[in-house]
Amino acid sequence: MLKLLSVWSFEIAITIISVIFTYYIFAFYYSSSKSMRSQFLSRLTMFSGIFLVQTIFTTISSIFLSMRYNEVVAIPMLIISSLELIGFILLFKIIRE
């Protein structure tokens, strides 16, 4: 059972935040590729779309894993998700500039 303040809940929260940042990055590249008609931007849109699907899958996987495994699995997942979120935040900051 998922507790409110468990390692799994923090891990799931981080993956949800990653989905939000990844969606913004995808939406930015999608709108840019539509207005500029650039092949490079189209490829970036596809690339960011794959990241969006991956972060959604990670969130769903984390929810299911939290029902079966304890913190031994949650801690490495939390580290991986945190590094992923840092990367998405940096990309988000680059896009905003």
Protein backbone atom coordinates (compact mmCIF):
# COMPACT_ATOMS: atom_id res chain seq x y z
CA MET A 1 0.00 0.00 0.00
CA LEU A 2 1.31 3.43 -0.94
CA LYS A 3 1.81 5.72 2.05
CA LEU A 4 1.61 9.48 1.67
CA LEU A 5 5.17 10.19 2.84
CA SER A 6 7.03 7.15 1.57
CA VAL A 7 10.00 6.91 -0.77
CA TRP A 8 7.62 5.62 -3.44
CA SER A 9 5.34 8.63 -3.11
CA PHE A 10 8.31 10.97 -3.61
CA GLU A 11 9.45 8.93 -6.60
CA ILE A 12 5.99 9.04 -8.17
CA ALA A 13 5.72 12.78 -7.51
CA ILE A 14 9.05 13.36 -9.25
CA THR A 15 7.96 11.33 -12.27
CA ILE A 16 4.71 13.30 -12.49
CA ILE A 17 6.68 16.56 -12.41
CA SER A 18 8.91 15.12 -15.16
CA VAL A 19 5.82 14.43 -17.27
CA ILE A 20 4.76 18.06 -16.89
CA PHE A 21 8.15 19.43 -17.92
CA THR A 22 8.42 16.95 -20.79
CA TYR A 23 4.96 17.89 -22.02
CA TYR A 24 5.93 21.57 -22.03
CA ILE A 25 9.12 20.77 -23.98
CA PHE A 26 7.14 18.68 -26.47
CA ALA A 27 4.49 21.39 -26.89
CA PHE A 28 7.18 24.02 -27.45
CA TYR A 29 8.92 22.00 -30.16
CA TYR A 30 5.61 20.98 -31.72
CA SER A 31 4.39 24.57 -32.05
CA SER A 32 7.81 25.72 -33.28
CA SER A 33 7.99 22.99 -35.91
CA LYS A 34 4.51 23.89 -37.19
CA SER A 35 5.33 27.58 -37.54
CA MET A 36 8.88 27.26 -38.94
CA ARG A 37 8.54 24.05 -41.00
CA SER A 38 12.06 22.96 -40.14
CA GLN A 39 13.16 19.34 -40.50
CA PHE A 40 15.45 19.78 -37.49
CA LEU A 41 12.56 20.99 -35.32
CA SER A 42 10.38 18.15 -36.57
CA ARG A 43 13.03 15.69 -35.42
CA LEU A 44 13.31 17.45 -32.05
CA THR A 45 9.53 17.20 -31.76
CA MET A 46 9.67 13.46 -32.40
CA PHE A 47 12.57 13.11 -29.95
CA SER A 48 10.74 15.02 -27.21
CA GLY A 49 7.56 13.04 -27.94
CA ILE A 50 9.47 9.83 -27.26
CA PHE A 51 10.68 11.31 -23.96
CA LEU A 52 7.09 12.24 -23.10
CA VAL A 53 5.90 8.68 -23.68
CA GLN A 54 8.85 7.36 -21.67
CA THR A 55 8.10 9.59 -18.67
CA ILE A 56 4.42 8.63 -18.75
CA PHE A 57 5.42 4.96 -18.85
CA THR A 58 7.87 5.52 -15.96
CA THR A 59 5.10 7.08 -13.86
CA ILE A 60 2.72 4.19 -14.54
CA SER A 61 5.49 1.65 -13.86
CA SER A 62 6.37 3.34 -10.58
CA ILE A 63 2.76 3.17 -9.43
CA PHE A 64 2.58 -0.56 -10.17
CA LEU A 65 6.03 -1.23 -8.68
CA SER A 66 5.04 0.59 -5.48
CA MET A 67 2.23 -1.92 -4.98
CA ARG A 68 4.61 -4.86 -5.09
CA TYR A 69 8.07 -3.78 -3.91
CA ASN A 70 9.46 -1.93 -0.91
CA GLU A 71 11.98 0.90 -0.60
CA VAL A 72 14.86 -1.30 -1.79
CA VAL A 73 13.54 -0.80 -5.32
CA ALA A 74 12.20 2.71 -4.71
CA ILE A 75 15.52 4.31 -3.79
CA PRO A 76 17.34 3.55 -7.09
CA MET A 77 14.19 4.54 -9.00
CA LEU A 78 14.10 7.81 -7.05
CA ILE A 79 17.72 8.56 -7.95
CA ILE A 80 17.13 7.80 -11.64
CA SER A 81 13.94 9.87 -11.74
CA SER A 82 15.64 12.76 -9.93
CA LEU A 83 18.49 12.84 -12.45
CA GLU A 84 15.97 12.68 -15.28
CA LEU A 85 14.02 15.59 -13.77
CA ILE A 86 17.20 17.67 -13.43
CA GLY A 87 17.91 17.09 -17.13
CA PHE A 88 14.37 18.11 -18.11
CA ILE A 89 14.54 21.23 -15.93
CA LEU A 90 17.82 22.25 -17.58
CA LEU A 91 16.32 21.71 -21.03
CA PHE A 92 13.24 23.67 -19.94
CA LYS A 93 15.45 26.58 -18.81
CA ILE A 94 17.31 26.53 -22.14
CA ILE A 95 14.03 26.65 -24.05
CA ARG A 96 12.72 29.55 -21.92
CA GLU A 97 15.80 31.71 -22.68
